[in-house]
């Protein structure tokens, strides 16, 4: 009878654990990741620096996107430095131009992603305000940034962030103008 009690107790523990696991899984499936996963294909491309110096890299990706966009059924293509939910990223501090300097050690930090082509469109990330980069003017992307809703709300809660400037720690001291605001994306994990 002791073994039966132990077996029933263990079965009950396993049943409760399985129920909690299923409930957690259902909650994760209901989380809005901020991007579309249906009909989206992602791949990782790594070009060796010795064979593809900077100008050749740009040309490689321009030709790649041109060929991908020419495939029947493809609506758009784009690239990003770190795909969402891969656990990879690049964070850096930034300064909001026109707002008081934070105390040392209290500087805000943001994840930074470098994008190309129609990345936001391809991933189904909505443009909430402003616009995306203009492909017809390649130099236009210089000193321009697109931020997410959380950053815009944090620094300009009752203002339009379009046209505001930030200094991102890129290894220089230039000011970058905000030209667009996109929806928030979960980059590290769904939870």
N, C-alpha and C. Protein backbone atom coordinates (compact mmCIF):
# COMPACT_ATOMS: atom_id res chain seq x y z
N UNK A 1 0.83 -1.20 0.00
CA UNK A 1 0.00 0.00 0.00
C UNK A 1 0.87 1.25 0.00
N UNK A 2 2.06 1.18 0.58
CA UNK A 2 2.97 2.32 0.57
C UNK A 2 3.43 2.62 -0.86
N UNK A 3 3.72 1.57 -1.61
CA UNK A 3 4.13 1.76 -3.01
C UNK A 3 3.01 2.38 -3.84
N UNK A 4 1.79 1.98 -3.59
CA UNK A 4 0.65 2.53 -4.33
C UNK A 4 0.51 4.02 -4.02
N UNK A 5 0.65 4.40 -2.76
CA UNK A 5 0.57 5.81 -2.36
C UNK A 5 1.68 6.61 -3.03
N UNK A 6 2.90 6.07 -3.05
CA UNK A 6 4.04 6.75 -3.68
C UNK A 6 3.81 6.87 -5.18
N UNK A 7 3.32 5.80 -5.81
CA UNK A 7 3.04 5.85 -7.25
C UNK A 7 1.98 6.89 -7.58
N UNK A 8 0.91 6.95 -6.79
CA UNK A 8 -0.15 7.93 -7.03
C UNK A 8 0.39 9.34 -6.83
N UNK A 9 1.21 9.54 -5.80
CA UNK A 9 1.79 10.86 -5.54
C UNK A 9 2.71 11.28 -6.70
N UNK A 10 3.56 10.38 -7.18
CA UNK A 10 4.43 10.68 -8.30
C UNK A 10 3.63 10.97 -9.58
N UNK A 11 2.59 10.18 -9.81
CA UNK A 11 1.74 10.41 -10.99
C UNK A 11 1.07 11.77 -10.91
N UNK A 12 0.63 12.14 -9.70
CA UNK A 12 0.00 13.45 -9.51
C UNK A 12 0.99 14.58 -9.76
N UNK A 13 2.23 14.43 -9.26
CA UNK A 13 3.26 15.44 -9.48
C UNK A 13 3.56 15.56 -10.98
N UNK A 14 3.69 14.45 -11.68
CA UNK A 14 3.94 14.48 -13.12
C UNK A 14 2.78 15.11 -13.88
N UNK A 15 1.57 14.81 -13.47
CA UNK A 15 0.39 15.37 -14.13
C UNK A 15 0.32 16.88 -13.94
N UNK A 16 0.57 17.35 -12.73
CA UNK A 16 0.57 18.80 -12.46
C UNK A 16 1.70 19.48 -13.24
N UNK A 17 2.88 18.86 -13.25
CA UNK A 17 4.00 19.43 -14.01
C UNK A 17 3.70 19.51 -15.49
N UNK A 18 3.09 18.47 -16.05
CA UNK A 18 2.73 18.47 -17.46
C UNK A 18 1.68 19.55 -17.74
N UNK A 19 0.72 19.70 -16.85
CA UNK A 19 -0.31 20.74 -17.01
C UNK A 19 0.29 22.13 -17.01
N UNK A 20 1.22 22.38 -16.09
CA UNK A 20 1.88 23.69 -16.04
C UNK A 20 2.72 23.93 -17.29
N UNK A 21 3.38 22.89 -17.79
CA UNK A 21 4.18 23.01 -19.00
C UNK A 21 3.29 23.36 -20.20
N UNK A 22 2.17 22.69 -20.32
CA UNK A 22 1.24 22.97 -21.42
C UNK A 22 0.70 24.39 -21.30
N UNK A 23 0.34 24.80 -20.09
CA UNK A 23 -0.17 26.16 -19.88
C UNK A 23 0.87 27.21 -20.26
N UNK A 24 2.13 26.99 -19.88
CA UNK A 24 3.21 27.92 -20.24
C UNK A 24 3.40 27.96 -21.75
N UNK A 25 3.32 26.81 -22.39
CA UNK A 25 3.47 26.74 -23.85
C UNK A 25 2.35 27.52 -24.54
N UNK A 26 1.13 27.37 -24.06
CA UNK A 26 0.00 28.09 -24.65
C UNK A 26 0.18 29.59 -24.47
N UNK A 27 0.63 30.01 -23.30
CA UNK A 27 0.90 31.44 -23.08
C UNK A 27 1.95 31.97 -24.04
N UNK A 28 3.03 31.22 -24.24
CA UNK A 28 4.08 31.65 -25.16
C UNK A 28 3.57 31.73 -26.59
N UNK A 29 2.69 30.83 -26.98
CA UNK A 29 2.14 30.84 -28.34
C UNK A 29 1.24 32.06 -28.56
N UNK A 30 0.68 32.62 -27.48
CA UNK A 30 -0.20 33.79 -27.59
C UNK A 30 0.56 35.11 -27.56
N UNK A 31 1.85 35.07 -27.27
CA UNK A 31 2.66 36.29 -27.19
C UNK A 31 2.86 36.85 -28.59
N UNK A 32 2.65 38.16 -28.73
CA UNK A 32 2.90 38.82 -30.00
C UNK A 32 4.40 39.11 -30.09
N UNK A 33 5.07 38.46 -31.01
CA UNK A 33 6.52 38.63 -31.17
C UNK A 33 6.86 39.96 -31.84
N UNK A 34 5.87 40.59 -32.49
CA UNK A 34 6.11 41.86 -33.15
C UNK A 34 6.45 41.71 -34.62
N UNK A 35 6.53 40.47 -35.09
CA UNK A 35 6.81 40.23 -36.50
C UNK A 35 6.03 39.01 -36.95
N UNK A 36 5.90 38.86 -38.26
CA UNK A 36 5.15 37.74 -38.84
C UNK A 36 6.08 36.55 -39.05
N UNK A 37 5.57 35.38 -38.74
CA UNK A 37 6.36 34.17 -38.97
C UNK A 37 5.80 33.36 -40.13
N UNK A 38 4.53 33.55 -40.44
CA UNK A 38 3.92 32.81 -41.55
C UNK A 38 4.49 33.30 -42.87
N UNK A 39 4.78 32.38 -43.74
CA UNK A 39 5.29 32.66 -45.08
C UNK A 39 6.57 33.51 -45.06
N UNK A 40 7.40 33.29 -44.04
CA UNK A 40 8.66 34.01 -43.92
C UNK A 40 9.80 32.98 -43.86
N UNK A 41 10.82 33.22 -44.64
CA UNK A 41 11.99 32.35 -44.64
C UNK A 41 13.18 33.17 -44.16
N UNK A 42 13.95 32.61 -43.25
CA UNK A 42 15.14 33.30 -42.75
C UNK A 42 16.35 32.40 -42.95
N UNK A 43 17.47 33.03 -43.24
CA UNK A 43 18.72 32.28 -43.38
C UNK A 43 19.87 33.16 -42.91
N UNK A 44 20.95 32.52 -42.56
CA UNK A 44 22.13 33.25 -42.12
C UNK A 44 23.18 33.22 -43.22
N UNK A 45 23.73 34.39 -43.51
CA UNK A 45 24.77 34.49 -44.53
C UNK A 45 25.98 35.16 -43.89
N UNK A 46 27.12 34.53 -44.04
CA UNK A 46 28.36 35.08 -43.50
C UNK A 46 29.38 35.12 -44.63
N UNK A 47 29.84 36.31 -44.96
CA UNK A 47 30.80 36.47 -46.04
C UNK A 47 32.21 36.63 -45.47
N UNK A 48 33.18 35.88 -45.99
CA UNK A 48 34.56 36.04 -45.50
C UNK A 48 35.10 37.41 -45.90
N UNK A 49 35.64 38.12 -44.93
CA UNK A 49 36.16 39.47 -45.16
C UNK A 49 37.30 39.52 -46.17
N UNK A 50 38.11 38.47 -46.24
CA UNK A 50 39.23 38.47 -47.18
C UNK A 50 38.76 38.43 -48.63
N UNK A 51 37.67 37.74 -48.87
CA UNK A 51 37.17 37.60 -50.24
C UNK A 51 36.15 38.70 -50.59
N UNK A 52 35.50 39.26 -49.58
CA UNK A 52 34.48 40.27 -49.79
C UNK A 52 34.80 41.51 -48.96
N UNK A 53 35.68 42.40 -49.45
CA UNK A 53 35.89 43.66 -48.73
C UNK A 53 34.61 44.49 -48.79
N UNK A 54 34.54 45.57 -48.04
CA UNK A 54 33.29 46.32 -47.87
C UNK A 54 32.55 46.65 -49.16
N UNK A 55 33.17 47.22 -50.19
CA UNK A 55 32.38 47.52 -51.40
C UNK A 55 31.81 46.26 -52.05
N UNK A 56 32.55 45.16 -52.02
CA UNK A 56 32.08 43.92 -52.62
C UNK A 56 30.91 43.33 -51.82
N UNK A 57 30.91 43.52 -50.52
CA UNK A 57 29.79 43.05 -49.68
C UNK A 57 28.50 43.75 -50.07
N UNK A 58 28.58 45.06 -50.21
CA UNK A 58 27.40 45.84 -50.58
C UNK A 58 26.86 45.36 -51.93
N UNK A 59 27.75 45.18 -52.90
CA UNK A 59 27.34 44.71 -54.23
C UNK A 59 26.74 43.30 -54.15
N UNK A 60 27.34 42.43 -53.33
CA UNK A 60 26.83 41.07 -53.17
C UNK A 60 25.38 41.11 -52.70
N UNK A 61 25.11 41.89 -51.65
CA UNK A 61 23.76 41.92 -51.10
C UNK A 61 22.78 42.62 -52.03
N UNK A 62 23.21 43.63 -52.75
CA UNK A 62 22.33 44.27 -53.72
C UNK A 62 21.89 43.28 -54.79
N UNK A 63 22.85 42.50 -55.31
CA UNK A 63 22.52 41.49 -56.32
C UNK A 63 21.65 40.38 -55.71
N UNK A 64 21.95 39.99 -54.49
CA UNK A 64 21.18 38.95 -53.82
C UNK A 64 19.72 39.36 -53.67
N UNK A 65 19.48 40.58 -53.17
CA UNK A 65 18.09 41.03 -52.98
C UNK A 65 17.37 41.18 -54.31
N UNK A 66 18.10 41.63 -55.31
CA UNK A 66 17.51 41.76 -56.65
C UNK A 66 17.06 40.40 -57.18
N UNK A 67 17.89 39.39 -56.99
CA UNK A 67 17.55 38.04 -57.46
C UNK A 67 16.43 37.43 -56.63
N UNK A 68 16.47 37.63 -55.31
CA UNK A 68 15.41 37.08 -54.45
C UNK A 68 14.07 37.73 -54.78
N UNK A 69 14.07 39.05 -54.94
CA UNK A 69 12.82 39.75 -55.26
C UNK A 69 12.26 39.33 -56.62
N UNK A 70 13.11 38.80 -57.50
CA UNK A 70 12.66 38.35 -58.81
C UNK A 70 12.05 36.95 -58.81
N UNK A 71 12.14 36.24 -57.70
CA UNK A 71 11.56 34.90 -57.61
C UNK A 71 10.04 35.02 -57.52
N UNK A 72 9.30 34.27 -58.36
CA UNK A 72 7.84 34.36 -58.29
C UNK A 72 7.31 34.02 -56.90
N UNK A 73 6.39 34.84 -56.42
CA UNK A 73 5.78 34.63 -55.11
C UNK A 73 6.45 35.39 -53.98
N UNK A 74 7.67 35.86 -54.20
CA UNK A 74 8.37 36.61 -53.16
C UNK A 74 7.82 38.04 -53.15
N UNK A 75 7.39 38.48 -51.98
CA UNK A 75 6.82 39.82 -51.86
C UNK A 75 7.88 40.86 -51.53
N UNK A 76 8.85 40.49 -50.71
CA UNK A 76 9.92 41.42 -50.36
C UNK A 76 11.06 40.65 -49.71
N UNK A 77 12.23 41.30 -49.64
CA UNK A 77 13.38 40.68 -48.99
C UNK A 77 14.15 41.75 -48.23
N UNK A 78 14.90 41.32 -47.26
CA UNK A 78 15.69 42.26 -46.47
C UNK A 78 16.66 41.51 -45.60
N UNK A 79 17.51 42.26 -44.92
CA UNK A 79 18.50 41.65 -44.03
C UNK A 79 18.60 42.47 -42.76
N UNK A 80 19.07 41.81 -41.73
CA UNK A 80 19.28 42.44 -40.43
C UNK A 80 20.55 41.85 -39.82
N UNK A 81 21.23 42.65 -39.03
CA UNK A 81 22.48 42.18 -38.44
C UNK A 81 22.26 41.03 -37.46
N UNK A 82 21.15 41.03 -36.71
CA UNK A 82 20.86 39.97 -35.76
C UNK A 82 19.37 39.64 -35.84
N UNK A 83 19.04 38.43 -36.27
CA UNK A 83 17.65 38.01 -36.38
C UNK A 83 16.99 37.94 -35.00
N UNK A 84 15.70 38.24 -34.93
CA UNK A 84 14.99 38.11 -33.65
C UNK A 84 14.98 36.67 -33.17
N UNK A 85 14.97 36.52 -31.86
CA UNK A 85 14.86 35.23 -31.17
C UNK A 85 16.02 34.28 -31.41
N UNK A 86 17.18 34.82 -31.80
CA UNK A 86 18.37 33.98 -31.94
C UNK A 86 19.29 34.11 -30.74
N UNK A 87 18.97 35.03 -29.84
CA UNK A 87 19.80 35.23 -28.66
C UNK A 87 20.99 36.12 -28.91
N UNK A 88 21.14 36.60 -30.14
CA UNK A 88 22.27 37.46 -30.47
C UNK A 88 21.80 38.91 -30.52
N UNK A 89 22.71 39.83 -30.31
CA UNK A 89 22.36 41.23 -30.39
C UNK A 89 23.57 42.11 -30.19
N UNK A 90 23.33 43.40 -30.30
CA UNK A 90 24.37 44.39 -30.10
C UNK A 90 23.75 45.57 -29.38
N UNK A 91 24.21 45.82 -28.18
CA UNK A 91 23.66 46.92 -27.39
C UNK A 91 24.71 48.02 -27.25
N UNK A 92 24.23 49.24 -27.20
CA UNK A 92 25.12 50.38 -27.03
C UNK A 92 24.38 51.49 -26.32
N UNK A 93 25.13 52.39 -25.73
CA UNK A 93 24.50 53.53 -25.07
C UNK A 93 24.17 54.59 -26.10
N UNK A 94 23.29 55.50 -25.71
CA UNK A 94 22.91 56.60 -26.59
C UNK A 94 22.55 57.81 -25.74
N UNK A 95 22.53 58.92 -26.39
CA UNK A 95 22.21 60.19 -25.72
C UNK A 95 21.09 60.85 -26.52
N UNK A 96 20.10 61.38 -25.83
CA UNK A 96 19.01 62.09 -26.49
C UNK A 96 19.39 63.56 -26.56
N UNK A 97 19.52 64.08 -27.78
CA UNK A 97 19.92 65.47 -27.99
C UNK A 97 18.79 66.38 -27.50
N UNK A 98 19.16 67.37 -26.69
CA UNK A 98 18.18 68.32 -26.19
C UNK A 98 17.59 67.94 -24.84
N UNK A 99 17.95 66.78 -24.32
CA UNK A 99 17.47 66.37 -23.00
C UNK A 99 18.66 66.32 -22.05
N UNK A 100 18.42 66.49 -20.76
CA UNK A 100 19.54 66.51 -19.80
C UNK A 100 20.35 65.21 -19.84
N UNK A 101 21.66 65.39 -19.64
CA UNK A 101 22.56 64.23 -19.60
C UNK A 101 22.24 63.40 -18.36
N UNK A 102 22.13 62.07 -18.50
CA UNK A 102 21.93 61.23 -17.32
C UNK A 102 23.20 61.16 -16.49
N UNK A 103 23.05 60.77 -15.25
CA UNK A 103 24.21 60.63 -14.37
C UNK A 103 25.10 59.50 -14.89
N UNK A 104 26.38 59.61 -14.56
CA UNK A 104 27.33 58.60 -14.98
C UNK A 104 26.89 57.23 -14.48
N UNK A 105 26.86 56.25 -15.37
CA UNK A 105 26.41 54.91 -15.02
C UNK A 105 24.91 54.72 -15.20
N UNK A 106 24.18 55.80 -15.48
CA UNK A 106 22.73 55.74 -15.66
C UNK A 106 22.33 55.95 -17.13
N UNK A 107 23.32 55.95 -18.02
CA UNK A 107 23.04 56.20 -19.43
C UNK A 107 22.11 55.13 -19.98
N UNK A 108 21.15 55.53 -20.84
CA UNK A 108 20.27 54.52 -21.43
C UNK A 108 21.04 53.66 -22.42
N UNK A 109 20.61 52.42 -22.55
CA UNK A 109 21.23 51.48 -23.47
C UNK A 109 20.13 50.91 -24.36
N UNK A 110 20.43 50.74 -25.63
CA UNK A 110 19.47 50.18 -26.57
C UNK A 110 20.13 49.11 -27.42
N UNK A 111 19.33 48.12 -27.79
CA UNK A 111 19.80 47.14 -28.77
C UNK A 111 19.79 47.82 -30.13
N UNK A 112 20.81 47.57 -30.93
CA UNK A 112 20.94 48.20 -32.24
C UNK A 112 20.96 47.11 -33.30
N UNK A 113 20.20 47.32 -34.35
CA UNK A 113 20.18 46.41 -35.48
C UNK A 113 20.45 47.21 -36.74
N UNK A 114 21.30 46.70 -37.60
CA UNK A 114 21.56 47.32 -38.90
C UNK A 114 20.68 46.57 -39.89
N UNK A 115 19.89 47.30 -40.67
CA UNK A 115 18.96 46.66 -41.61
C UNK A 115 19.27 47.08 -43.04
N UNK A 116 18.79 46.29 -43.99
CA UNK A 116 18.92 46.64 -45.40
C UNK A 116 17.62 46.33 -46.11
N UNK A 117 17.51 46.86 -47.29
CA UNK A 117 16.42 46.57 -48.20
C UNK A 117 15.07 46.73 -47.50
N UNK A 118 14.16 45.80 -47.69
CA UNK A 118 12.81 45.91 -47.13
C UNK A 118 12.65 45.03 -45.89
N UNK A 119 13.58 45.12 -44.97
CA UNK A 119 13.54 44.25 -43.78
C UNK A 119 12.23 44.38 -43.02
N UNK A 120 11.81 45.59 -42.69
CA UNK A 120 10.59 45.77 -41.90
C UNK A 120 9.37 45.23 -42.64
N UNK A 121 9.29 45.50 -43.92
CA UNK A 121 8.18 45.01 -44.73
C UNK A 121 8.21 43.48 -44.79
N UNK A 122 9.38 42.91 -45.01
CA UNK A 122 9.52 41.45 -45.11
C UNK A 122 9.12 40.75 -43.82
N UNK A 123 9.42 41.35 -42.70
CA UNK A 123 9.12 40.74 -41.41
C UNK A 123 7.74 41.11 -40.89
N UNK A 124 7.03 41.96 -41.59
CA UNK A 124 5.70 42.36 -41.14
C UNK A 124 5.73 43.24 -39.92
N UNK A 125 6.81 43.98 -39.74
CA UNK A 125 6.93 44.90 -38.61
C UNK A 125 6.30 46.22 -39.03
N UNK A 126 5.25 46.65 -38.34
CA UNK A 126 4.51 47.83 -38.80
C UNK A 126 5.25 49.14 -38.56
N UNK A 127 5.08 50.05 -39.51
CA UNK A 127 5.57 51.42 -39.34
C UNK A 127 4.46 52.18 -38.62
N UNK A 128 4.75 52.65 -37.42
CA UNK A 128 3.75 53.32 -36.60
C UNK A 128 3.68 54.80 -36.91
N UNK A 129 4.83 55.39 -37.19
CA UNK A 129 4.90 56.82 -37.46
C UNK A 129 6.10 57.09 -38.35
N UNK A 130 6.00 58.09 -39.17
CA UNK A 130 7.13 58.45 -40.03
C UNK A 130 7.23 57.54 -41.23
N UNK A 131 8.45 57.16 -41.57
CA UNK A 131 8.69 56.39 -42.78
C UNK A 131 9.89 55.48 -42.60
N UNK A 132 10.12 54.65 -43.62
CA UNK A 132 11.31 53.80 -43.67
C UNK A 132 12.39 54.52 -44.45
N UNK A 133 13.55 53.92 -44.58
CA UNK A 133 14.62 54.50 -45.38
C UNK A 133 14.22 54.51 -46.84
N UNK A 134 14.73 55.45 -47.60
CA UNK A 134 14.43 55.59 -49.01
C UNK A 134 15.54 54.94 -49.82
N UNK A 135 15.23 53.80 -50.48
CA UNK A 135 16.23 53.07 -51.27
C UNK A 135 16.73 53.86 -52.48
N UNK A 136 15.93 54.81 -52.93
CA UNK A 136 16.35 55.57 -54.12
C UNK A 136 17.47 56.55 -53.79
N UNK A 137 17.67 56.83 -52.51
CA UNK A 137 18.74 57.73 -52.10
C UNK A 137 19.63 56.98 -51.11
N UNK A 138 20.67 56.26 -51.58
CA UNK A 138 21.49 55.45 -50.69
C UNK A 138 22.16 56.24 -49.58
N UNK A 139 22.58 57.47 -49.86
CA UNK A 139 23.23 58.27 -48.83
C UNK A 139 22.23 58.81 -47.81
N UNK A 140 20.92 58.68 -48.12
CA UNK A 140 19.89 59.19 -47.24
C UNK A 140 19.88 58.46 -45.90
N UNK A 141 20.28 57.21 -45.90
CA UNK A 141 20.28 56.43 -44.66
C UNK A 141 21.36 56.89 -43.69
N UNK A 142 22.32 57.64 -44.19
CA UNK A 142 23.40 58.13 -43.34
C UNK A 142 22.85 59.14 -42.35
N UNK A 143 23.17 58.95 -41.10
CA UNK A 143 22.72 59.83 -40.02
C UNK A 143 21.20 59.81 -39.83
N UNK A 144 20.56 58.72 -40.23
CA UNK A 144 19.13 58.54 -40.03
C UNK A 144 18.93 57.23 -39.28
N UNK A 145 17.95 57.20 -38.38
CA UNK A 145 17.64 55.99 -37.64
C UNK A 145 16.13 55.81 -37.57
N UNK A 146 15.76 54.57 -37.36
CA UNK A 146 14.37 54.20 -37.11
C UNK A 146 14.36 53.57 -35.72
N UNK A 147 13.46 54.02 -34.86
CA UNK A 147 13.41 53.52 -33.49
C UNK A 147 12.10 52.77 -33.26
N UNK A 148 12.04 52.04 -32.16
CA UNK A 148 10.80 51.33 -31.85
C UNK A 148 9.91 52.19 -30.95
N UNK A 149 8.68 51.73 -30.76
CA UNK A 149 7.69 52.49 -29.98
C UNK A 149 8.13 52.71 -28.54
N UNK A 150 8.77 51.73 -27.94
CA UNK A 150 9.17 51.85 -26.53
C UNK A 150 10.17 52.98 -26.35
N UNK A 151 11.18 53.07 -27.21
CA UNK A 151 12.16 54.14 -27.10
C UNK A 151 11.50 55.50 -27.33
N UNK A 152 10.62 55.58 -28.32
CA UNK A 152 9.93 56.85 -28.62
C UNK A 152 9.06 57.27 -27.44
N UNK A 153 8.34 56.33 -26.86
CA UNK A 153 7.46 56.63 -25.73
C UNK A 153 8.26 57.03 -24.49
N UNK A 154 9.42 56.41 -24.29
CA UNK A 154 10.25 56.69 -23.12
C UNK A 154 10.79 58.12 -23.14
N UNK A 155 11.23 58.59 -24.29
CA UNK A 155 11.88 59.90 -24.35
C UNK A 155 10.98 61.03 -24.84
N UNK A 156 9.92 60.71 -25.58
CA UNK A 156 9.01 61.75 -26.08
C UNK A 156 7.57 61.28 -25.88
N UNK A 157 7.13 61.15 -24.61
CA UNK A 157 5.82 60.55 -24.34
C UNK A 157 4.64 61.31 -24.96
N UNK A 158 4.70 62.61 -25.04
CA UNK A 158 3.59 63.40 -25.57
C UNK A 158 3.99 64.21 -26.80
N UNK A 159 5.05 63.76 -27.47
CA UNK A 159 5.55 64.48 -28.63
C UNK A 159 5.74 63.53 -29.80
N UNK A 160 5.87 64.11 -30.97
CA UNK A 160 6.20 63.33 -32.16
C UNK A 160 7.72 63.18 -32.22
N UNK A 161 8.24 61.95 -32.20
CA UNK A 161 9.70 61.77 -32.21
C UNK A 161 10.36 62.01 -33.57
N UNK A 162 9.55 62.12 -34.63
CA UNK A 162 10.12 62.29 -35.96
C UNK A 162 10.85 63.63 -36.02
N UNK A 163 12.10 63.58 -36.49
CA UNK A 163 12.93 64.77 -36.57
C UNK A 163 13.78 65.00 -35.33
N UNK A 164 13.48 64.29 -34.23
CA UNK A 164 14.31 64.41 -33.03
C UNK A 164 15.66 63.73 -33.30
N UNK A 165 16.63 64.05 -32.48
CA UNK A 165 17.98 63.53 -32.71
C UNK A 165 18.50 62.77 -31.49
N UNK A 166 19.29 61.75 -31.81
CA UNK A 166 19.98 60.96 -30.78
C UNK A 166 21.43 60.80 -31.20
N UNK A 167 22.28 60.61 -30.21
CA UNK A 167 23.69 60.30 -30.47
C UNK A 167 23.91 58.86 -30.01
N UNK A 168 24.07 57.99 -30.97
CA UNK A 168 24.30 56.58 -30.67
C UNK A 168 25.80 56.36 -30.65
N UNK A 169 26.27 55.59 -29.71
CA UNK A 169 27.71 55.35 -29.58
C UNK A 169 28.19 54.43 -30.68
N UNK A 170 28.41 54.99 -31.87
CA UNK A 170 28.87 54.23 -33.03
C UNK A 170 30.38 54.30 -33.19
N UNK A 171 31.12 54.88 -32.37
CA UNK A 171 32.55 55.19 -32.50
C UNK A 171 32.76 56.59 -33.05
N UNK A 172 31.74 57.37 -33.11
CA UNK A 172 31.88 58.76 -33.51
C UNK A 172 30.89 59.58 -32.67
N UNK A 173 30.86 60.86 -32.89
CA UNK A 173 30.03 61.73 -32.07
C UNK A 173 28.92 62.39 -32.89
N UNK A 174 28.49 61.74 -33.95
CA UNK A 174 27.50 62.36 -34.83
C UNK A 174 26.09 62.24 -34.24
N UNK A 175 25.24 63.13 -34.69
CA UNK A 175 23.83 63.08 -34.30
C UNK A 175 23.07 62.36 -35.40
N UNK A 176 22.15 61.50 -35.01
CA UNK A 176 21.33 60.76 -35.96
C UNK A 176 19.88 61.22 -35.82
N UNK A 177 19.24 61.49 -36.95
CA UNK A 177 17.86 61.97 -36.96
C UNK A 177 16.90 60.78 -37.04
N UNK A 178 15.85 60.84 -36.24
CA UNK A 178 14.82 59.80 -36.25
C UNK A 178 13.86 60.10 -37.41
N UNK A 179 13.74 59.14 -38.34
CA UNK A 179 12.84 59.32 -39.49
C UNK A 179 11.62 58.42 -39.40
N UNK A 180 11.64 57.42 -38.53
CA UNK A 180 10.51 56.52 -38.42
C UNK A 180 10.44 55.83 -37.08
N UNK A 181 9.23 55.38 -36.75
CA UNK A 181 8.99 54.60 -35.53
C UNK A 181 8.28 53.32 -35.96
N UNK A 182 8.82 52.18 -35.55
CA UNK A 182 8.21 50.89 -35.88
C UNK A 182 7.72 50.22 -34.60
N UNK A 183 6.89 49.21 -34.78
CA UNK A 183 6.37 48.46 -33.65
C UNK A 183 7.47 47.73 -32.91
N UNK A 184 7.21 47.43 -31.65
CA UNK A 184 8.18 46.71 -30.82
C UNK A 184 8.29 45.26 -31.28
N UNK A 185 9.50 44.73 -31.21
CA UNK A 185 9.79 43.34 -31.59
C UNK A 185 10.49 42.68 -30.40
N UNK A 186 10.10 41.47 -30.10
CA UNK A 186 10.79 40.71 -29.06
C UNK A 186 12.02 40.08 -29.70
N UNK A 187 13.19 40.55 -29.30
CA UNK A 187 14.42 40.09 -29.93
C UNK A 187 15.08 38.94 -29.19
N UNK A 188 15.07 38.97 -27.86
CA UNK A 188 15.80 37.95 -27.13
C UNK A 188 14.98 36.68 -26.91
N UNK A 189 13.75 36.81 -26.42
CA UNK A 189 12.91 35.66 -26.15
C UNK A 189 11.46 36.09 -26.05
N UNK A 190 10.55 35.15 -26.16
CA UNK A 190 9.13 35.48 -26.10
C UNK A 190 8.67 35.84 -24.70
N UNK A 191 9.31 35.28 -23.70
CA UNK A 191 8.87 35.59 -22.34
C UNK A 191 9.45 36.91 -21.86
